[in-house]
């Protein structure tokens, strides 16, 4: 019994305390595409439940649901997403590449994703974009601070090579694709801790009754 009580208290402290690792529950990341895809004969469309709209600048803005990950107080994070983008040749829609299931990695300063396309078998979590972050001081509210950042997305060397191979396009490695704004929401950790503690207490009660 004492061990179970200790476990319950530990759960509250682990999930409800002022820890540095913050679990992500959901949210949305938006990407404004500023690259002139039409000038190289490409068109983009959302896939896998992603959304798209056109902003006041006339640029496409894709929206990707955040599915999980973590965001620490020092802004180290991995933020996972569903959905993606299909890029295809305007002249021949059977020539395409699909980029999906993005992961924002603020430590590696890259965005990875699944890649598949004409002549390209599925590559899981390949580096697609790189980015830089400004110097950020640790924050007690990293979720409130990170959604104010607009991150310039540069096409990675690997992704640039794939685009060149598929579309016979000029080298795009290092070119600006657009700008991302991510708005993750945290798991309500105190509630999670209390639920776990409650479950352990109920389990202990059943053990006593047995």
C-alpha atoms as a PDB file:
ATOM      1  CA  UNK A   1       0.000   0.000   0.000  1.00  0.00           C
ATOM      2  CA  UNK A   2       2.765   2.419   0.939  1.00  0.00           C
ATOM      3  CA  UNK A   3       4.393   1.844  -2.432  1.00  0.00           C
ATOM      4  CA  UNK A   4       1.150   2.647  -4.240  1.00  0.00           C
ATOM      5  CA  UNK A   5       0.681   5.868  -2.306  1.00  0.00           C
ATOM      6  CA  UNK A   6       4.261   6.835  -3.075  1.00  0.00           C
ATOM      7  CA  UNK A   7       3.624   6.127  -6.757  1.00  0.00           C
ATOM      8  CA  UNK A   8       0.518   8.299  -6.699  1.00  0.00           C
ATOM      9  CA  UNK A   9       2.372  11.195  -5.116  1.00  0.00           C
ATOM     10  CA  UNK A  10       5.185  10.787  -7.626  1.00  0.00           C
ATOM     11  CA  UNK A  11       2.669  10.891 -10.469  1.00  0.00           C
ATOM     12  CA  UNK A  12       1.251  14.196  -9.243  1.00  0.00           C
ATOM     13  CA  UNK A  13       4.712  15.667  -8.903  1.00  0.00           C
ATOM     14  CA  UNK A  14       5.802  14.380 -12.296  1.00  0.00           C
ATOM     15  CA  UNK A  15       2.717  15.476 -14.206  1.00  0.00           C
ATOM     16  CA  UNK A  16       1.534  18.397 -12.156  1.00  0.00           C
ATOM     17  CA  UNK A  17       4.767  19.990 -11.049  1.00  0.00           C
ATOM     18  CA  UNK A  18       6.676  22.776 -12.769  1.00  0.00           C
ATOM     19  CA  UNK A  19       8.657  20.367 -14.941  1.00  0.00           C
ATOM     20  CA  UNK A  20      10.677  21.421 -17.960  1.00  0.00           C
ATOM     21  CA  UNK A  21       9.243  18.882 -20.407  1.00  0.00           C
ATOM     22  CA  UNK A  22       5.818  19.895 -21.660  1.00  0.00           C
ATOM     23  CA  UNK A  23       3.720  17.442 -23.649  1.00  0.00           C
ATOM     24  CA  UNK A  24       1.855  18.785 -26.676  1.00  0.00           C
ATOM     25  CA  UNK A  25      -1.836  17.953 -27.039  1.00  0.00           C
ATOM     26  CA  UNK A  26      -2.639  19.566 -30.387  1.00  0.00           C
ATOM     27  CA  UNK A  27      -2.731  22.848 -32.240  1.00  0.00           C
ATOM     28  CA  UNK A  28      -2.010  24.030 -35.771  1.00  0.00           C
ATOM     29  CA  UNK A  29       1.062  25.027 -37.765  1.00  0.00           C
ATOM     30  CA  UNK A  30       0.509  27.394 -40.700  1.00  0.00           C
ATOM     31  CA  UNK A  31       2.908  27.764 -43.624  1.00  0.00           C
ATOM     32  CA  UNK A  32       2.690  30.728 -45.993  1.00  0.00           C
ATOM     33  CA  UNK A  33       4.243  29.726 -49.324  1.00  0.00           C
ATOM     34  CA  UNK A  34       6.186  32.666 -50.728  1.00  0.00           C
ATOM     35  CA  UNK A  35       8.155  30.721 -53.354  1.00  0.00           C
ATOM     36  CA  UNK A  36       6.887  31.344 -56.891  1.00  0.00           C
ATOM     37  CA  UNK A  37       6.111  27.726 -57.713  1.00  0.00           C
ATOM     38  CA  UNK A  38       4.292  28.690 -60.881  1.00  0.00           C
ATOM     39  CA  UNK A  39       7.467  30.139 -62.370  1.00  0.00           C
ATOM     40  CA  UNK A  40       8.993  26.652 -62.443  1.00  0.00           C
ATOM     41  CA  UNK A  41       5.805  24.974 -63.583  1.00  0.00           C
ATOM     42  CA  UNK A  42       4.604  23.609 -60.230  1.00  0.00           C
ATOM     43  CA  UNK A  43       1.305  23.725 -58.384  1.00  0.00           C
ATOM     44  CA  UNK A  44       0.620  22.800 -54.760  1.00  0.00           C
ATOM     45  CA  UNK A  45      -2.420  21.282 -53.041  1.00  0.00           C
ATOM     46  CA  UNK A  46      -3.170  19.958 -49.535  1.00  0.00           C
ATOM     47  CA  UNK A  47      -3.312  16.230 -48.756  1.00  0.00           C
ATOM     48  CA  UNK A  48      -4.128  14.078 -45.759  1.00  0.00           C
ATOM     49  CA  UNK A  49      -6.530  16.492 -44.092  1.00  0.00           C
ATOM     50  CA  UNK A  50      -4.374  19.614 -44.374  1.00  0.00           C
ATOM     51  CA  UNK A  51      -6.116  22.888 -45.195  1.00  0.00           C
ATOM     52  CA  UNK A  52      -5.250  25.739 -47.527  1.00  0.00           C
ATOM     53  CA  UNK A  53      -6.384  29.332 -47.910  1.00  0.00           C
ATOM     54  CA  UNK A  54      -5.155  32.447 -49.684  1.00  0.00           C
ATOM     55  CA  UNK A  55      -4.028  35.438 -47.619  1.00  0.00           C
ATOM     56  CA  UNK A  56      -4.154  39.148 -48.371  1.00  0.00           C
ATOM     57  CA  UNK A  57      -0.808  38.921 -50.171  1.00  0.00           C
ATOM     58  CA  UNK A  58      -2.230  36.368 -52.561  1.00  0.00           C
ATOM     59  CA  UNK A  59      -0.058  33.604 -51.137  1.00  0.00           C
ATOM     60  CA  UNK A  60      -1.264  30.106 -50.324  1.00  0.00           C
ATOM     61  CA  UNK A  61      -1.306  29.347 -46.589  1.00  0.00           C
ATOM     62  CA  UNK A  62      -1.345  25.671 -45.661  1.00  0.00           C
ATOM     63  CA  UNK A  63      -2.562  24.522 -42.233  1.00  0.00           C
ATOM     64  CA  UNK A  64      -1.333  21.292 -40.633  1.00  0.00           C
ATOM     65  CA  UNK A  65      -2.832  19.791 -37.485  1.00  0.00           C
ATOM     66  CA  UNK A  66      -0.355  19.179 -34.666  1.00  0.00           C
ATOM     67  CA  UNK A  67      -0.621  15.616 -33.399  1.00  0.00           C
ATOM     68  CA  UNK A  68       1.825  15.577 -30.489  1.00  0.00           C
ATOM     69  CA  UNK A  69       5.414  15.943 -29.372  1.00  0.00           C
ATOM     70  CA  UNK A  70       6.995  18.052 -26.668  1.00  0.00           C
ATOM     71  CA  UNK A  71       8.049  21.651 -26.098  1.00  0.00           C
ATOM     72  CA  UNK A  72      10.508  22.280 -23.291  1.00  0.00           C
ATOM     73  CA  UNK A  73      10.992  25.486 -21.339  1.00  0.00           C
ATOM     74  CA  UNK A  74      14.272  26.102 -23.202  1.00  0.00           C
ATOM     75  CA  UNK A  75      12.367  25.769 -26.542  1.00  0.00           C
ATOM     76  CA  UNK A  76      13.948  22.458 -27.453  1.00  0.00           C
ATOM     77  CA  UNK A  77      11.117  20.566 -29.092  1.00  0.00           C
ATOM     78  CA  UNK A  78       9.803  18.044 -31.541  1.00  0.00           C
ATOM     79  CA  UNK A  79       6.349  18.891 -32.873  1.00  0.00           C
ATOM     80  CA  UNK A  80       4.606  16.284 -35.019  1.00  0.00           C
ATOM     81  CA  UNK A  81       1.884  16.879 -37.601  1.00  0.00           C
ATOM     82  CA  UNK A  82      -0.593  15.156 -39.874  1.00  0.00           C
ATOM     83  CA  UNK A  83      -1.379  16.075 -43.468  1.00  0.00           C
ATOM     84  CA  UNK A  84       0.931  17.411 -46.112  1.00  0.00           C
ATOM     85  CA  UNK A  85       1.420  19.038 -49.496  1.00  0.00           C
ATOM     86  CA  UNK A  86       1.391  17.605 -53.011  1.00  0.00           C
ATOM     87  CA  UNK A  87       3.530  19.408 -55.565  1.00  0.00           C
ATOM     88  CA  UNK A  88       2.866  18.464 -59.180  1.00  0.00           C
ATOM     89  CA  UNK A  89       3.908  19.590 -62.624  1.00  0.00           C
ATOM     90  CA  UNK A  90       1.296  21.896 -64.166  1.00  0.00           C
ATOM     91  CA  UNK A  91       1.936  20.355 -67.580  1.00  0.00           C
ATOM     92  CA  UNK A  92       1.615  16.758 -66.339  1.00  0.00           C
ATOM     93  CA  UNK A  93      -0.077  16.060 -62.995  1.00  0.00           C
ATOM     94  CA  UNK A  94       1.273  12.486 -62.992  1.00  0.00           C
ATOM     95  CA  UNK A  95       4.694  13.988 -62.195  1.00  0.00           C
ATOM     96  CA  UNK A  96       4.510  14.802 -58.494  1.00  0.00           C
ATOM     97  CA  UNK A  97       6.019  14.715 -55.031  1.00  0.00           C
ATOM     98  CA  UNK A  98       4.143  14.472 -51.738  1.00  0.00           C
ATOM     99  CA  UNK A  99       5.577  15.840 -48.481  1.00  0.00           C
ATOM    100  CA  UNK A 100       3.709  14.862 -45.325  1.00  0.00           C
ATOM    101  CA  UNK A 101       3.709  14.100 -41.591  1.00  0.00           C
ATOM    102  CA  UNK A 102       6.079  16.916 -40.732  1.00  0.00           C
ATOM    103  CA  UNK A 103       8.178  17.031 -37.557  1.00  0.00           C
ATOM    104  CA  UNK A 104       9.553  20.375 -36.389  1.00  0.00           C
ATOM    105  CA  UNK A 105      12.873  19.772 -34.618  1.00  0.00           C
ATOM    106  CA  UNK A 106      14.118  22.951 -32.948  1.00  0.00           C
ATOM    107  CA  UNK A 107      17.335  21.309 -31.743  1.00  0.00           C
ATOM    108  CA  UNK A 108      18.356  20.118 -35.202  1.00  0.00           C
ATOM    109  CA  UNK A 109      16.739  23.276 -36.694  1.00  0.00           C
ATOM    110  CA  UNK A 110      15.089  21.250 -39.407  1.00  0.00           C
ATOM    111  CA  UNK A 111      11.672  20.046 -40.481  1.00  0.00           C
ATOM    112  CA  UNK A 112      11.504  16.400 -41.419  1.00  0.00           C
ATOM    113  CA  UNK A 113       8.741  14.640 -43.285  1.00  0.00           C
ATOM    114  CA  UNK A 114       7.736  11.650 -45.368  1.00  0.00           C
ATOM    115  CA  UNK A 115       8.572  11.988 -49.065  1.00  0.00           C
ATOM    116  CA  UNK A 116       7.178  10.009 -51.995  1.00  0.00           C
ATOM    117  CA  UNK A 117       6.819  10.879 -55.648  1.00  0.00           C
ATOM    118  CA  UNK A 118       7.412  10.012 -59.263  1.00  0.00           C
ATOM    119  CA  UNK A 119      10.327   7.609 -59.310  1.00  0.00           C
ATOM    120  CA  UNK A 120      10.854   8.050 -55.564  1.00  0.00           C
ATOM    121  CA  UNK A 121       9.851   5.320 -53.127  1.00  0.00           C
ATOM    122  CA  UNK A 122       8.668   6.394 -49.692  1.00  0.00           C
ATOM    123  CA  UNK A 123      11.395   8.030 -47.615  1.00  0.00           C
ATOM    124  CA  UNK A 124      10.363   8.368 -43.972  1.00  0.00           C
ATOM    125  CA  UNK A 125      11.204  11.546 -42.050  1.00  0.00           C
ATOM    126  CA  UNK A 126      13.716  12.969 -44.503  1.00  0.00           C
ATOM    127  CA  UNK A 127      15.046  16.509 -43.902  1.00  0.00           C
ATOM    128  CA  UNK A 128      12.863  18.819 -46.018  1.00  0.00           C
ATOM    129  CA  UNK A 129      13.407  22.311 -44.630  1.00  0.00           C
ATOM    130  CA  UNK A 130      16.005  24.014 -42.466  1.00  0.00           C
ATOM    131  CA  UNK A 131      15.491  27.140 -40.376  1.00  0.00           C
ATOM    132  CA  UNK A 132      17.129  29.381 -37.806  1.00  0.00           C
ATOM    133  CA  UNK A 133      15.756  30.486 -34.472  1.00  0.00           C
ATOM    134  CA  UNK A 134      16.567  33.725 -32.662  1.00  0.00           C
ATOM    135  CA  UNK A 135      18.255  33.478 -29.276  1.00  0.00           C
ATOM    136  CA  UNK A 136      15.496  32.549 -26.843  1.00  0.00           C
ATOM    137  CA  UNK A 137      15.716  32.647 -23.069  1.00  0.00           C
ATOM    138  CA  UNK A 138      14.058  29.820 -21.130  1.00  0.00           C
ATOM    139  CA  UNK A 139      10.421  30.622 -20.481  1.00  0.00           C
ATOM    140  CA  UNK A 140       7.850  29.429 -17.973  1.00  0.00           C
ATOM    141  CA  UNK A 141       5.334  29.736 -20.847  1.00  0.00           C
ATOM    142  CA  UNK A 142       7.074  28.415 -23.977  1.00  0.00           C
ATOM    143  CA  UNK A 143       3.706  27.817 -25.645  1.00  0.00           C
ATOM    144  CA  UNK A 144       2.797  31.479 -25.341  1.00  0.00           C
ATOM    145  CA  UNK A 145       6.191  32.591 -26.621  1.00  0.00           C
ATOM    146  CA  UNK A 146       6.698  30.272 -29.590  1.00  0.00           C
ATOM    147  CA  UNK A 147       3.473  31.174 -31.375  1.00  0.00           C
ATOM    148  CA  UNK A 148       4.789  34.723 -31.879  1.00  0.00           C
ATOM    149  CA  UNK A 149       7.668  33.463 -34.036  1.00  0.00           C
ATOM    150  CA  UNK A 150       7.616  33.448 -37.832  1.00  0.00           C
ATOM    151  CA  UNK A 151      10.189  30.946 -39.076  1.00  0.00           C
ATOM    152  CA  UNK A 152      11.704  31.205 -42.551  1.00  0.00           C
ATOM    153  CA  UNK A 153      11.782  27.787 -44.205  1.00  0.00           C
ATOM    154  CA  UNK A 154      14.721  27.015 -46.486  1.00  0.00           C
ATOM    155  CA  UNK A 155      14.588  24.000 -48.784  1.00  0.00           C
ATOM    156  CA  UNK A 156      17.131  21.441 -47.597  1.00  0.00           C
ATOM    157  CA  UNK A 157      19.892  20.059 -49.794  1.00  0.00           C
ATOM    158  CA  UNK A 158      18.217  16.643 -49.831  1.00  0.00           C
ATOM    159  CA  UNK A 159      14.777  18.021 -50.717  1.00  0.00           C
ATOM    160  CA  UNK A 160      16.250  20.324 -53.336  1.00  0.00           C
ATOM    161  CA  UNK A 161      17.887  17.337 -54.997  1.00  0.00           C
ATOM    162  CA  UNK A 162      14.607  15.383 -55.049  1.00  0.00           C
ATOM    163  CA  UNK A 163      12.727  18.320 -56.588  1.00  0.00           C
ATOM    164  CA  UNK A 164      15.397  18.738 -59.255  1.00  0.00           C
ATOM    165  CA  UNK A 165      15.343  15.027 -60.086  1.00  0.00           C
ATOM    166  CA  UNK A 166      11.546  14.765 -60.300  1.00  0.00           C
ATOM    167  CA  UNK A 167      10.684  18.030 -62.035  1.00  0.00           C
ATOM    168  CA  UNK A 168      13.944  18.698 -63.873  1.00  0.00           C
ATOM    169  CA  UNK A 169      13.905  22.036 -62.056  1.00  0.00           C
ATOM    170  CA  UNK A 170      16.854  24.302 -61.301  1.00  0.00           C
ATOM    171  CA  UNK A 171      18.570  23.697 -57.969  1.00  0.00           C
ATOM    172  CA  UNK A 172      16.256  24.814 -55.164  1.00  0.00           C
ATOM    173  CA  UNK A 173      18.489  23.872 -52.222  1.00  0.00           C
ATOM    174  CA  UNK A 174      18.736  26.807 -49.850  1.00  0.00           C
ATOM    175  CA  UNK A 175      15.868  28.711 -51.491  1.00  0.00           C
ATOM    176  CA  UNK A 176      13.100  30.152 -49.312  1.00  0.00           C
ATOM    177  CA  UNK A 177       9.933  28.093 -49.525  1.00  0.00           C
ATOM    178  CA  UNK A 178       7.888  30.205 -47.141  1.00  0.00           C
ATOM    179  CA  UNK A 179       7.302  31.115 -43.508  1.00  0.00           C
ATOM    180  CA  UNK A 180       5.873  28.950 -40.725  1.00  0.00           C
ATOM    181  CA  UNK A 181       4.042  29.887 -37.554  1.00  0.00           C
ATOM    182  CA  UNK A 182       3.373  27.085 -35.098  1.00  0.00           C
ATOM    183  CA  UNK A 183       0.772  27.253 -32.336  1.00  0.00           C
ATOM    184  CA  UNK A 184       0.921  24.085 -30.216  1.00  0.00           C
ATOM    185  CA  UNK A 185      -1.282  23.616 -27.165  1.00  0.00           C
ATOM    186  CA  UNK A 186      -0.141  21.808 -24.018  1.00  0.00           C
ATOM    187  CA  UNK A 187      -1.625  18.804 -22.309  1.00  0.00           C
ATOM    188  CA  UNK A 188      -3.249  20.020 -19.057  1.00  0.00           C
ATOM    189  CA  UNK A 189      -0.560  18.414 -16.909  1.00  0.00           C
ATOM    190  CA  UNK A 190      -2.041  18.957 -13.415  1.00  0.00           C
ATOM    191  CA  UNK A 191      -5.255  17.268 -14.508  1.00  0.00           C
ATOM    192  CA  UNK A 192      -3.305  14.412 -16.036  1.00  0.00           C
ATOM    193  CA  UNK A 193      -1.410  13.942 -12.790  1.00  0.00           C
ATOM    194  CA  UNK A 194      -4.561  13.945 -10.692  1.00  0.00           C
ATOM    195  CA  UNK A 195      -6.199  11.420 -13.006  1.00  0.00           C
ATOM    196  CA  UNK A 196      -3.217   9.102 -12.729  1.00  0.00           C
ATOM    197  CA  UNK A 197      -3.090   9.527  -8.966  1.00  0.00           C
ATOM    198  CA  UNK A 198      -6.825   8.836  -8.764  1.00  0.00           C
ATOM    199  CA  UNK A 199      -6.405   5.691 -10.817  1.00  0.00           C
ATOM    200  CA  UNK A 200      -3.624   4.443  -8.571  1.00  0.00           C
ATOM    201  CA  UNK A 201      -5.677   5.177  -5.470  1.00  0.00           C
ATOM    202  CA  UNK A 202      -8.642   3.262  -6.906  1.00  0.00           C
ATOM    203  CA  UNK A 203      -6.343   0.373  -7.712  1.00  0.00           C
ATOM    204  CA  UNK A 204      -5.054   0.393  -4.127  1.00  0.00           C
ATOM    205  CA  UNK A 205      -8.618   0.346  -2.806  1.00  0.00           C
ATOM    206  CA  UNK A 206      -9.456  -2.699  -4.907  1.00  0.00           C
ATOM    207  CA  UNK A 207      -6.307  -4.442  -3.659  1.00  0.00           C
ATOM    208  CA  UNK A 208      -7.416  -3.814  -0.054  1.00  0.00           C
ATOM    209  CA  UNK A 209     -10.903  -5.097  -0.769  1.00  0.00           C
ATOM    210  CA  UNK A 210      -9.441  -8.252  -2.302  1.00  0.00           C
END
